C-alpha cells in the first residue's frame, strides 16, 4: 500500500498533498505557472477588482433598487455583495477613464506653435509680461497683496508659459481624493438626521450614493462625447431622484419627507461638490 502522493510548495517548501490547490503555510496557488492566458486574466481581474458574481449581483441592485444594498449591509447580508468601498473604487476607476474621453484642448492662436493650452481673455496681462519681462513683472507684482494676489499672479504666469495643460492633468488626478473627502461629510449629515443609526450605515449609504453618481456622470459624459450634446447638468437631478426611494427604503420615511430630505441633501451635496472642485483647482494651480 503506497502512501499519499505529496509535493513541496515551490514558495516555502512545505510538504503538501498532491491535489492541494493552495499551500497551507504561505497560501500560494499550487497550479503550474503555465496556465491559459484567459485564466490568468480572470485571476487578475478577480484579485484586483473582485470581478466575480458578487459584482454582477451588486451593480443591478445599486442602479435599480436604491438603498437595497445598504439595507442588506445593515441586516448583515453582506457576503452576497461586493463591499461598498471596493465597489466605489472600481466604479471610480472606470468612470475616470470615461471622463478622459474628449479631453482634446484647443490652443489659442498665439500658442499654436507650442501646442499647449492658455486661458482666453488675458491678452492685456500677457502683453504686460512680454513688455516688462517675466523677472521685472514678478518684482512689480510682488509688491502688496495677499494669498489671493499670489494665486492670481501664478495663474497669469502659467498662462503666459502655456502650462495650463499641466494644471488640468493635476486637477483630474486630485478629483478622486476630493470625492473621498465629501463622502464622510455626507454620512455625517445623515447621522445628524438619523442619530440612532450607526455612522457606518450612513457611510455605506454615502459610498453607494457616490458610486451611483459616478456611474450616471460617466454615462452622461459618454453621451456628450458621442453626440456632442450637453447632459452633465442632469447628474444632480438623477442623484435627487435616486435619493428619494433610497431614503424611503433605508430609513422608512414617508414619501413626502423622503422627498424633502433628498432635496436638502442634493442642495448640500451640490455646494460641497462646487467647493471641492474649486479647492481642487486652486491646489492644482498652486502645486504646478
C-alpha atoms as a PDB file:
ATOM      1  CA  UNK A   1       0.000   0.000   0.000  1.00  0.00           C
ATOM      2  CA  UNK A   2       1.574   3.208  -1.117  1.00  0.00           C
ATOM      3  CA  UNK A   3       1.332   6.444   0.823  1.00  0.00           C
ATOM      4  CA  UNK A   4      -0.457   9.525  -0.410  1.00  0.00           C
ATOM      5  CA  UNK A   5       1.452  11.373  -3.084  1.00  0.00           C
ATOM      6  CA  UNK A   6       2.885  14.609  -1.744  1.00  0.00           C
ATOM      7  CA  UNK A   7       4.862  17.514  -3.147  1.00  0.00           C
ATOM      8  CA  UNK A   8       6.731  20.510  -1.817  1.00  0.00           C
ATOM      9  CA  UNK A   9       5.398  24.053  -2.182  1.00  0.00           C
ATOM     10  CA  UNK A  10       7.719  25.899  -4.612  1.00  0.00           C
ATOM     11  CA  UNK A  11       7.430  29.044  -2.499  1.00  0.00           C
ATOM     12  CA  UNK A  12       8.100  27.883   1.078  1.00  0.00           C
ATOM     13  CA  UNK A  13       8.919  24.158   0.764  1.00  0.00           C
ATOM     14  CA  UNK A  14       6.022  22.914   2.915  1.00  0.00           C
ATOM     15  CA  UNK A  15       5.017  19.302   2.178  1.00  0.00           C
ATOM     16  CA  UNK A  16       1.529  19.231   0.669  1.00  0.00           C
ATOM     17  CA  UNK A  17      -0.932  16.613  -0.644  1.00  0.00           C
ATOM     18  CA  UNK A  18      -0.576  16.156  -4.388  1.00  0.00           C
ATOM     19  CA  UNK A  19      -4.064  17.555  -5.072  1.00  0.00           C
ATOM     20  CA  UNK A  20      -3.693  20.638  -2.844  1.00  0.00           C
ATOM     21  CA  UNK A  21      -4.780  23.833  -4.613  1.00  0.00           C
ATOM     22  CA  UNK A  22      -3.206  26.228  -2.087  1.00  0.00           C
ATOM     23  CA  UNK A  23      -0.294  25.946   0.321  1.00  0.00           C
ATOM     24  CA  UNK A  24      -1.431  25.535   3.924  1.00  0.00           C
ATOM     25  CA  UNK A  25       1.554  27.551   5.119  1.00  0.00           C
ATOM     26  CA  UNK A  26       2.002  30.506   2.736  1.00  0.00           C
ATOM     27  CA  UNK A  27      -1.255  30.372   0.745  1.00  0.00           C
ATOM     28  CA  UNK A  28       0.357  30.297  -2.709  1.00  0.00           C
ATOM     29  CA  UNK A  29      -1.681  28.854  -5.574  1.00  0.00           C
ATOM     30  CA  UNK A  30      -0.183  25.428  -6.421  1.00  0.00           C
ATOM     31  CA  UNK A  31      -1.234  25.374 -10.052  1.00  0.00           C
ATOM     32  CA  UNK A  32       1.513  25.462 -12.628  1.00  0.00           C
ATOM     33  CA  UNK A  33       2.543  28.941 -13.713  1.00  0.00           C
ATOM     34  CA  UNK A  34       1.930  27.851 -17.308  1.00  0.00           C
ATOM     35  CA  UNK A  35      -1.858  28.315 -17.332  1.00  0.00           C
ATOM     36  CA  UNK A  36      -4.026  29.603 -20.202  1.00  0.00           C
ATOM     37  CA  UNK A  37      -3.976  33.363 -20.710  1.00  0.00           C
ATOM     38  CA  UNK A  38      -7.733  33.659 -20.165  1.00  0.00           C
ATOM     39  CA  UNK A  39      -7.447  32.049 -16.744  1.00  0.00           C
ATOM     40  CA  UNK A  40      -4.586  34.343 -15.769  1.00  0.00           C
ATOM     41  CA  UNK A  41      -6.601  37.382 -16.895  1.00  0.00           C
ATOM     42  CA  UNK A  42      -9.634  36.327 -14.872  1.00  0.00           C
ATOM     43  CA  UNK A  43      -7.436  35.808 -11.804  1.00  0.00           C
ATOM     44  CA  UNK A  44      -6.014  39.314 -12.182  1.00  0.00           C
ATOM     45  CA  UNK A  45      -9.471  40.829 -12.571  1.00  0.00           C
ATOM     46  CA  UNK A  46     -10.805  38.826  -9.647  1.00  0.00           C
ATOM     47  CA  UNK A  47      -7.943  39.776  -7.340  1.00  0.00           C
ATOM     48  CA  UNK A  48      -7.828  43.428  -8.349  1.00  0.00           C
ATOM     49  CA  UNK A  49     -11.494  44.309  -8.706  1.00  0.00           C
ATOM     50  CA  UNK A  50     -13.316  41.381  -7.098  1.00  0.00           C
ATOM     51  CA  UNK A  51     -14.516  40.576 -10.607  1.00  0.00           C
ATOM     52  CA  UNK A  52     -16.896  37.769  -9.619  1.00  0.00           C
ATOM     53  CA  UNK A  53     -20.588  37.034  -9.158  1.00  0.00           C
ATOM     54  CA  UNK A  54     -20.776  39.460  -6.231  1.00  0.00           C
ATOM     55  CA  UNK A  55     -20.089  42.367  -8.547  1.00  0.00           C
ATOM     56  CA  UNK A  56     -22.802  41.361 -11.005  1.00  0.00           C
ATOM     57  CA  UNK A  57     -25.231  40.775  -8.150  1.00  0.00           C
ATOM     58  CA  UNK A  58     -24.463  44.162  -6.621  1.00  0.00           C
ATOM     59  CA  UNK A  59     -24.474  46.580  -9.559  1.00  0.00           C
ATOM     60  CA  UNK A  60     -28.066  45.932 -10.767  1.00  0.00           C
ATOM     61  CA  UNK A  61     -29.259  46.298  -7.196  1.00  0.00           C
ATOM     62  CA  UNK A  62     -27.284  49.522  -6.841  1.00  0.00           C
ATOM     63  CA  UNK A  63     -28.790  51.001 -10.000  1.00  0.00           C
ATOM     64  CA  UNK A  64     -32.383  49.789  -9.880  1.00  0.00           C
ATOM     65  CA  UNK A  65     -33.156  49.241  -6.166  1.00  0.00           C
ATOM     66  CA  UNK A  66     -31.916  52.404  -4.424  1.00  0.00           C
ATOM     67  CA  UNK A  67     -30.930  51.759  -0.823  1.00  0.00           C
ATOM     68  CA  UNK A  68     -31.280  47.971  -1.053  1.00  0.00           C
ATOM     69  CA  UNK A  69     -27.540  47.344  -0.706  1.00  0.00           C
ATOM     70  CA  UNK A  70     -27.427  49.479   2.436  1.00  0.00           C
ATOM     71  CA  UNK A  71     -30.389  47.578   3.878  1.00  0.00           C
ATOM     72  CA  UNK A  72     -28.603  44.287   3.203  1.00  0.00           C
ATOM     73  CA  UNK A  73     -25.489  45.640   4.930  1.00  0.00           C
ATOM     74  CA  UNK A  74     -27.455  46.749   7.994  1.00  0.00           C
ATOM     75  CA  UNK A  75     -29.195  43.376   8.200  1.00  0.00           C
ATOM     76  CA  UNK A  76     -25.806  41.613   7.912  1.00  0.00           C
ATOM     77  CA  UNK A  77     -26.487  40.085   4.482  1.00  0.00           C
ATOM     78  CA  UNK A  78     -23.025  41.129   3.363  1.00  0.00           C
ATOM     79  CA  UNK A  79     -21.397  38.041   1.858  1.00  0.00           C
ATOM     80  CA  UNK A  80     -23.560  38.177  -1.266  1.00  0.00           C
ATOM     81  CA  UNK A  81     -22.438  41.683  -2.277  1.00  0.00           C
ATOM     82  CA  UNK A  82     -19.193  43.441  -3.073  1.00  0.00           C
ATOM     83  CA  UNK A  83     -18.171  45.796  -0.199  1.00  0.00           C
ATOM     84  CA  UNK A  84     -19.259  49.411  -0.657  1.00  0.00           C
ATOM     85  CA  UNK A  85     -15.715  50.834  -0.648  1.00  0.00           C
ATOM     86  CA  UNK A  86     -14.462  48.272  -3.178  1.00  0.00           C
ATOM     87  CA  UNK A  87     -17.435  48.982  -5.428  1.00  0.00           C
ATOM     88  CA  UNK A  88     -16.743  52.714  -5.231  1.00  0.00           C
ATOM     89  CA  UNK A  89     -13.062  52.207  -6.103  1.00  0.00           C
ATOM     90  CA  UNK A  90     -13.896  50.011  -9.102  1.00  0.00           C
ATOM     91  CA  UNK A  91     -16.587  52.405 -10.355  1.00  0.00           C
ATOM     92  CA  UNK A  92     -14.326  55.447  -9.895  1.00  0.00           C
ATOM     93  CA  UNK A  93     -11.515  53.829 -11.921  1.00  0.00           C
ATOM     94  CA  UNK A  94     -13.870  53.066 -14.815  1.00  0.00           C
ATOM     95  CA  UNK A  95     -15.623  56.441 -14.544  1.00  0.00           C
ATOM     96  CA  UNK A  96     -12.426  58.488 -14.687  1.00  0.00           C
ATOM     97  CA  UNK A  97     -11.282  56.506 -17.709  1.00  0.00           C
ATOM     98  CA  UNK A  98     -14.535  57.551 -19.396  1.00  0.00           C
ATOM     99  CA  UNK A  99     -14.080  61.150 -18.222  1.00  0.00           C
ATOM    100  CA  UNK A 100     -10.721  61.211 -20.009  1.00  0.00           C
ATOM    101  CA  UNK A 101     -12.523  60.871 -23.353  1.00  0.00           C
ATOM    102  CA  UNK A 102     -12.764  64.054 -25.375  1.00  0.00           C
ATOM    103  CA  UNK A 103     -10.099  65.983 -23.499  1.00  0.00           C
ATOM    104  CA  UNK A 104      -8.645  67.432 -26.684  1.00  0.00           C
ATOM    105  CA  UNK A 105      -7.701  71.011 -25.925  1.00  0.00           C
ATOM    106  CA  UNK A 106      -7.893  73.932 -28.376  1.00  0.00           C
ATOM    107  CA  UNK A 107      -4.782  76.160 -28.272  1.00  0.00           C
ATOM    108  CA  UNK A 108      -5.085  79.907 -28.692  1.00  0.00           C
ATOM    109  CA  UNK A 109      -3.811  81.467 -31.918  1.00  0.00           C
ATOM    110  CA  UNK A 110      -0.734  82.866 -30.168  1.00  0.00           C
ATOM    111  CA  UNK A 111       0.087  79.472 -28.701  1.00  0.00           C
ATOM    112  CA  UNK A 112      -0.412  77.085 -31.605  1.00  0.00           C
ATOM    113  CA  UNK A 113       3.297  76.734 -32.210  1.00  0.00           C
ATOM    114  CA  UNK A 114       3.753  75.493 -28.626  1.00  0.00           C
ATOM    115  CA  UNK A 115       0.870  73.045 -28.870  1.00  0.00           C
ATOM    116  CA  UNK A 116      -0.365  73.824 -25.333  1.00  0.00           C
ATOM    117  CA  UNK A 117      -3.351  75.473 -23.680  1.00  0.00           C
ATOM    118  CA  UNK A 118      -3.782  79.007 -22.451  1.00  0.00           C
ATOM    119  CA  UNK A 119      -6.686  80.735 -20.727  1.00  0.00           C
ATOM    120  CA  UNK A 120      -8.577  83.002 -23.126  1.00  0.00           C
ATOM    121  CA  UNK A 121      -9.189  86.705 -22.462  1.00  0.00           C
ATOM    122  CA  UNK A 122      -5.878  87.649 -20.829  1.00  0.00           C
ATOM    123  CA  UNK A 123      -4.273  89.468 -23.760  1.00  0.00           C
ATOM    124  CA  UNK A 124      -3.600  92.690 -21.807  1.00  0.00           C
ATOM    125  CA  UNK A 125      -1.915  90.867 -18.939  1.00  0.00           C
ATOM    126  CA  UNK A 126       0.142  88.761 -21.330  1.00  0.00           C
ATOM    127  CA  UNK A 127       1.272  91.891 -23.163  1.00  0.00           C
ATOM    128  CA  UNK A 128       2.409  93.403 -19.842  1.00  0.00           C
ATOM    129  CA  UNK A 129       4.536  90.350 -19.086  1.00  0.00           C
ATOM    130  CA  UNK A 130       6.022  90.398 -22.585  1.00  0.00           C
ATOM    131  CA  UNK A 131       6.892  94.095 -22.395  1.00  0.00           C
ATOM    132  CA  UNK A 132       8.432  94.025 -18.912  1.00  0.00           C
ATOM    133  CA  UNK A 133       9.925  90.564 -18.978  1.00  0.00           C
ATOM    134  CA  UNK A 134       8.996  87.854 -16.502  1.00  0.00           C
ATOM    135  CA  UNK A 135      11.506  88.853 -13.790  1.00  0.00           C
ATOM    136  CA  UNK A 136      10.622  92.575 -13.862  1.00  0.00           C
ATOM    137  CA  UNK A 137       6.905  91.772 -13.976  1.00  0.00           C
ATOM    138  CA  UNK A 138       7.226  89.472 -10.954  1.00  0.00           C
ATOM    139  CA  UNK A 139       9.082  92.164  -8.974  1.00  0.00           C
ATOM    140  CA  UNK A 140       6.414  94.706  -9.805  1.00  0.00           C
ATOM    141  CA  UNK A 141       3.502  92.394  -8.951  1.00  0.00           C
ATOM    142  CA  UNK A 142       5.145  91.133  -5.760  1.00  0.00           C
ATOM    143  CA  UNK A 143       4.527  94.453  -4.001  1.00  0.00           C
ATOM    144  CA  UNK A 144       1.439  94.174  -1.797  1.00  0.00           C
ATOM    145  CA  UNK A 145      -1.413  91.712  -1.979  1.00  0.00           C
ATOM    146  CA  UNK A 146      -2.084  88.564  -0.004  1.00  0.00           C
ATOM    147  CA  UNK A 147      -2.677  84.915  -0.861  1.00  0.00           C
ATOM    148  CA  UNK A 148      -5.333  85.756  -3.463  1.00  0.00           C
ATOM    149  CA  UNK A 149      -2.983  88.094  -5.276  1.00  0.00           C
ATOM    150  CA  UNK A 150      -0.206  85.493  -5.302  1.00  0.00           C
ATOM    151  CA  UNK A 151      -2.625  82.947  -6.768  1.00  0.00           C
ATOM    152  CA  UNK A 152      -3.672  85.437  -9.452  1.00  0.00           C
ATOM    153  CA  UNK A 153      -0.023  86.046 -10.351  1.00  0.00           C
ATOM    154  CA  UNK A 154       0.550  82.287 -10.553  1.00  0.00           C
ATOM    155  CA  UNK A 155      -2.392  81.936 -12.941  1.00  0.00           C
ATOM    156  CA  UNK A 156      -1.039  84.705 -15.162  1.00  0.00           C
ATOM    157  CA  UNK A 157       2.454  83.199 -15.283  1.00  0.00           C
ATOM    158  CA  UNK A 158       1.142  79.702 -16.005  1.00  0.00           C
ATOM    159  CA  UNK A 159      -0.976  81.131 -18.779  1.00  0.00           C
ATOM    160  CA  UNK A 160       2.000  83.055 -20.180  1.00  0.00           C
ATOM    161  CA  UNK A 161       4.099  79.874 -20.159  1.00  0.00           C
ATOM    162  CA  UNK A 162       1.293  77.807 -21.701  1.00  0.00           C
ATOM    163  CA  UNK A 163       1.285  75.319 -18.813  1.00  0.00           C
ATOM    164  CA  UNK A 164      -2.429  75.049 -18.071  1.00  0.00           C
ATOM    165  CA  UNK A 165      -2.478  71.562 -19.568  1.00  0.00           C
ATOM    166  CA  UNK A 166      -0.382  70.544 -16.536  1.00  0.00           C
ATOM    167  CA  UNK A 167      -2.946  72.190 -14.241  1.00  0.00           C
ATOM    168  CA  UNK A 168      -5.807  70.279 -15.879  1.00  0.00           C
ATOM    169  CA  UNK A 169      -3.947  66.986 -15.596  1.00  0.00           C
ATOM    170  CA  UNK A 170      -3.154  67.547 -11.915  1.00  0.00           C
ATOM    171  CA  UNK A 171      -6.751  68.664 -11.307  1.00  0.00           C
ATOM    172  CA  UNK A 172      -8.098  65.431 -12.765  1.00  0.00           C
ATOM    173  CA  UNK A 173      -5.730  63.309 -10.677  1.00  0.00           C
ATOM    174  CA  UNK A 174      -6.922  65.002  -7.477  1.00  0.00           C
ATOM    175  CA  UNK A 175     -10.673  64.557  -8.122  1.00  0.00           C
ATOM    176  CA  UNK A 176     -10.956  61.087  -6.530  1.00  0.00           C
ATOM    177  CA  UNK A 177      -9.406  62.476  -3.335  1.00  0.00           C
ATOM    178  CA  UNK A 178     -11.919  65.336  -3.333  1.00  0.00           C
ATOM    179  CA  UNK A 179     -14.803  62.872  -3.575  1.00  0.00           C
ATOM    180  CA  UNK A 180     -13.368  60.758  -0.762  1.00  0.00           C
ATOM    181  CA  UNK A 181     -13.440  63.849   1.462  1.00  0.00           C
ATOM    182  CA  UNK A 182     -17.078  64.613   0.598  1.00  0.00           C
ATOM    183  CA  UNK A 183     -18.398  61.091   1.246  1.00  0.00           C
ATOM    184  CA  UNK A 184     -17.769  61.086   5.033  1.00  0.00           C
ATOM    185  CA  UNK A 185     -19.300  64.575   5.238  1.00  0.00           C
ATOM    186  CA  UNK A 186     -22.494  63.326   3.608  1.00  0.00           C
ATOM    187  CA  UNK A 187     -22.540  60.413   6.044  1.00  0.00           C
ATOM    188  CA  UNK A 188     -22.095  62.816   8.951  1.00  0.00           C
ATOM    189  CA  UNK A 189     -25.016  64.917   7.735  1.00  0.00           C
ATOM    190  CA  UNK A 190     -27.189  61.806   7.563  1.00  0.00           C
ATOM    191  CA  UNK A 191     -26.097  60.933  11.091  1.00  0.00           C
ATOM    192  CA  UNK A 192     -27.491  64.275  12.286  1.00  0.00           C
ATOM    193  CA  UNK A 193     -30.907  63.374  10.872  1.00  0.00           C
ATOM    194  CA  UNK A 194     -30.868  59.699  11.886  1.00  0.00           C
ATOM    195  CA  UNK A 195     -28.727  59.752  15.013  1.00  0.00           C
ATOM    196  CA  UNK A 196     -29.990  56.380  16.261  1.00  0.00           C
ATOM    197  CA  UNK A 197     -28.448  54.607  13.249  1.00  0.00           C
ATOM    198  CA  UNK A 198     -24.765  53.714  13.331  1.00  0.00           C
ATOM    199  CA  UNK A 199     -22.439  56.050  11.447  1.00  0.00           C
ATOM    200  CA  UNK A 200     -21.051  53.114   9.459  1.00  0.00           C
ATOM    201  CA  UNK A 201     -24.517  52.527   7.963  1.00  0.00           C
ATOM    202  CA  UNK A 202     -24.635  56.136   6.761  1.00  0.00           C
ATOM    203  CA  UNK A 203     -21.089  55.793   5.435  1.00  0.00           C
ATOM    204  CA  UNK A 204     -22.052  52.716   3.407  1.00  0.00           C
ATOM    205  CA  UNK A 205     -25.105  54.593   2.110  1.00  0.00           C
ATOM    206  CA  UNK A 206     -22.864  57.519   1.089  1.00  0.00           C
ATOM    207  CA  UNK A 207     -20.425  55.233  -0.756  1.00  0.00           C
ATOM    208  CA  UNK A 208     -23.312  53.606  -2.626  1.00  0.00           C
ATOM    209  CA  UNK A 209     -24.705  57.048  -3.485  1.00  0.00           C
ATOM    210  CA  UNK A 210     -21.276  58.203  -4.719  1.00  0.00           C
ATOM    211  CA  UNK A 211     -20.889  55.075  -6.857  1.00  0.00           C
ATOM    212  CA  UNK A 212     -24.300  55.672  -8.420  1.00  0.00           C
ATOM    213  CA  UNK A 213     -23.483  59.351  -9.048  1.00  0.00           C
ATOM    214  CA  UNK A 214     -20.200  58.421 -10.753  1.00  0.00           C
ATOM    215  CA  UNK A 215     -21.928  55.853 -12.969  1.00  0.00           C
ATOM    216  CA  UNK A 216     -24.542  58.416 -14.029  1.00  0.00           C
ATOM    217  CA  UNK A 217     -21.951  61.155 -14.581  1.00  0.00           C
ATOM    218  CA  UNK A 218     -19.784  58.803 -16.657  1.00  0.00           C
ATOM    219  CA  UNK A 219     -22.725  57.696 -18.806  1.00  0.00           C
ATOM    220  CA  UNK A 220     -23.811  61.303 -19.378  1.00  0.00           C
ATOM    221  CA  UNK A 221     -20.230  62.248 -20.287  1.00  0.00           C
ATOM    222  CA  UNK A 222     -20.117  59.327 -22.720  1.00  0.00           C
ATOM    223  CA  UNK A 223     -23.385  60.534 -24.268  1.00  0.00           C
ATOM    224  CA  UNK A 224     -21.875  64.006 -24.638  1.00  0.00           C
ATOM    225  CA  UNK A 225     -18.782  62.551 -26.259  1.00  0.00           C
ATOM    226  CA  UNK A 226     -20.822  60.527 -28.749  1.00  0.00           C
ATOM    227  CA  UNK A 227     -23.439  63.164 -29.603  1.00  0.00           C
ATOM    228  CA  UNK A 228     -21.689  66.492 -28.950  1.00  0.00           C
ATOM    229  CA  UNK A 229     -24.620  67.322 -26.681  1.00  0.00           C
ATOM    230  CA  UNK A 230     -24.676  68.719 -23.142  1.00  0.00           C
ATOM    231  CA  UNK A 231     -26.064  66.394 -20.475  1.00  0.00           C
ATOM    232  CA  UNK A 232     -23.767  66.660 -17.446  1.00  0.00           C
ATOM    233  CA  UNK A 233     -26.087  69.149 -15.734  1.00  0.00           C
ATOM    234  CA  UNK A 234     -28.578  66.271 -15.317  1.00  0.00           C
ATOM    235  CA  UNK A 235     -26.300  64.424 -12.870  1.00  0.00           C
ATOM    236  CA  UNK A 236     -27.700  66.075  -9.738  1.00  0.00           C
ATOM    237  CA  UNK A 237     -31.264  65.542 -10.984  1.00  0.00           C
ATOM    238  CA  UNK A 238     -30.571  61.792 -11.201  1.00  0.00           C
ATOM    239  CA  UNK A 239     -28.945  61.872  -7.751  1.00  0.00           C
ATOM    240  CA  UNK A 240     -32.039  63.570  -6.285  1.00  0.00           C
ATOM    241  CA  UNK A 241     -34.373  61.072  -7.976  1.00  0.00           C
ATOM    242  CA  UNK A 242     -32.218  58.230  -6.606  1.00  0.00           C
ATOM    243  CA  UNK A 243     -32.131  59.511  -3.029  1.00  0.00           C
ATOM    244  CA  UNK A 244     -35.910  59.735  -2.652  1.00  0.00           C
ATOM    245  CA  UNK A 245     -36.597  55.956  -2.835  1.00  0.00           C
ATOM    246  CA  UNK A 246     -33.229  55.188  -1.175  1.00  0.00           C
ATOM    247  CA  UNK A 247     -34.103  57.182   1.959  1.00  0.00           C
ATOM    248  CA  UNK A 248     -37.591  55.708   1.924  1.00  0.00           C
ATOM    249  CA  UNK A 249     -36.216  52.160   1.775  1.00  0.00           C
ATOM    250  CA  UNK A 250     -33.342  52.544   4.249  1.00  0.00           C
ATOM    251  CA  UNK A 251     -34.990  54.714   6.906  1.00  0.00           C
ATOM    252  CA  UNK A 252     -38.682  54.017   6.351  1.00  0.00           C
ATOM    253  CA  UNK A 253     -39.553  57.681   5.765  1.00  0.00           C
ATOM    254  CA  UNK A 254     -42.857  58.707   4.287  1.00  0.00           C
ATOM    255  CA  UNK A 255     -42.519  59.684   0.657  1.00  0.00           C
ATOM    256  CA  UNK A 256     -43.101  63.372   1.327  1.00  0.00           C
ATOM    257  CA  UNK A 257     -40.364  63.542   3.991  1.00  0.00           C
ATOM    258  CA  UNK A 258     -38.051  61.407   1.885  1.00  0.00           C
ATOM    259  CA  UNK A 259     -38.515  63.888  -0.986  1.00  0.00           C
ATOM    260  CA  UNK A 260     -37.879  66.931   1.240  1.00  0.00           C
ATOM    261  CA  UNK A 261     -34.761  65.412   2.786  1.00  0.00           C
ATOM    262  CA  UNK A 262     -33.470  64.260  -0.622  1.00  0.00           C
ATOM    263  CA  UNK A 263     -33.899  67.813  -1.949  1.00  0.00           C
ATOM    264  CA  UNK A 264     -31.999  69.246   1.027  1.00  0.00           C
ATOM    265  CA  UNK A 265     -29.202  66.683   0.686  1.00  0.00           C
ATOM    266  CA  UNK A 266     -28.935  67.343  -3.060  1.00  0.00           C
ATOM    267  CA  UNK A 267     -28.542  71.084  -2.455  1.00  0.00           C
ATOM    268  CA  UNK A 268     -25.905  70.496   0.216  1.00  0.00           C
ATOM    269  CA  UNK A 269     -24.118  67.965  -1.988  1.00  0.00           C
ATOM    270  CA  UNK A 270     -24.115  70.435  -4.899  1.00  0.00           C
ATOM    271  CA  UNK A 271     -22.481  73.087  -2.707  1.00  0.00           C
ATOM    272  CA  UNK A 272     -19.913  70.582  -1.380  1.00  0.00           C
ATOM    273  CA  UNK A 273     -19.017  69.437  -4.900  1.00  0.00           C
ATOM    274  CA  UNK A 274     -18.693  73.035  -6.111  1.00  0.00           C
ATOM    275  CA  UNK A 275     -16.447  73.960  -3.178  1.00  0.00           C
ATOM    276  CA  UNK A 276     -14.463  70.740  -3.631  1.00  0.00           C
ATOM    277  CA  UNK A 277     -13.904  71.414  -7.326  1.00  0.00           C
ATOM    278  CA  UNK A 278     -12.815  74.987  -6.586  1.00  0.00           C
ATOM    279  CA  UNK A 279     -10.424  73.857  -3.839  1.00  0.00           C
ATOM    280  CA  UNK A 280      -9.033  71.124  -6.081  1.00  0.00           C
ATOM    281  CA  UNK A 281      -8.393  73.605  -8.895  1.00  0.00           C
ATOM    282  CA  UNK A 282      -6.658  76.037  -6.505  1.00  0.00           C
ATOM    283  CA  UNK A 283      -4.487  73.193  -5.209  1.00  0.00           C
ATOM    284  CA  UNK A 284      -3.652  72.124  -8.759  1.00  0.00           C
ATOM    285  CA  UNK A 285      -2.642  75.678  -9.725  1.00  0.00           C
ATOM    286  CA  UNK A 286      -0.604  76.191  -6.580  1.00  0.00           C
ATOM    287  CA  UNK A 287       1.247  72.896  -6.900  1.00  0.00           C
ATOM    288  CA  UNK A 288       2.334  73.194 -10.544  1.00  0.00           C
END
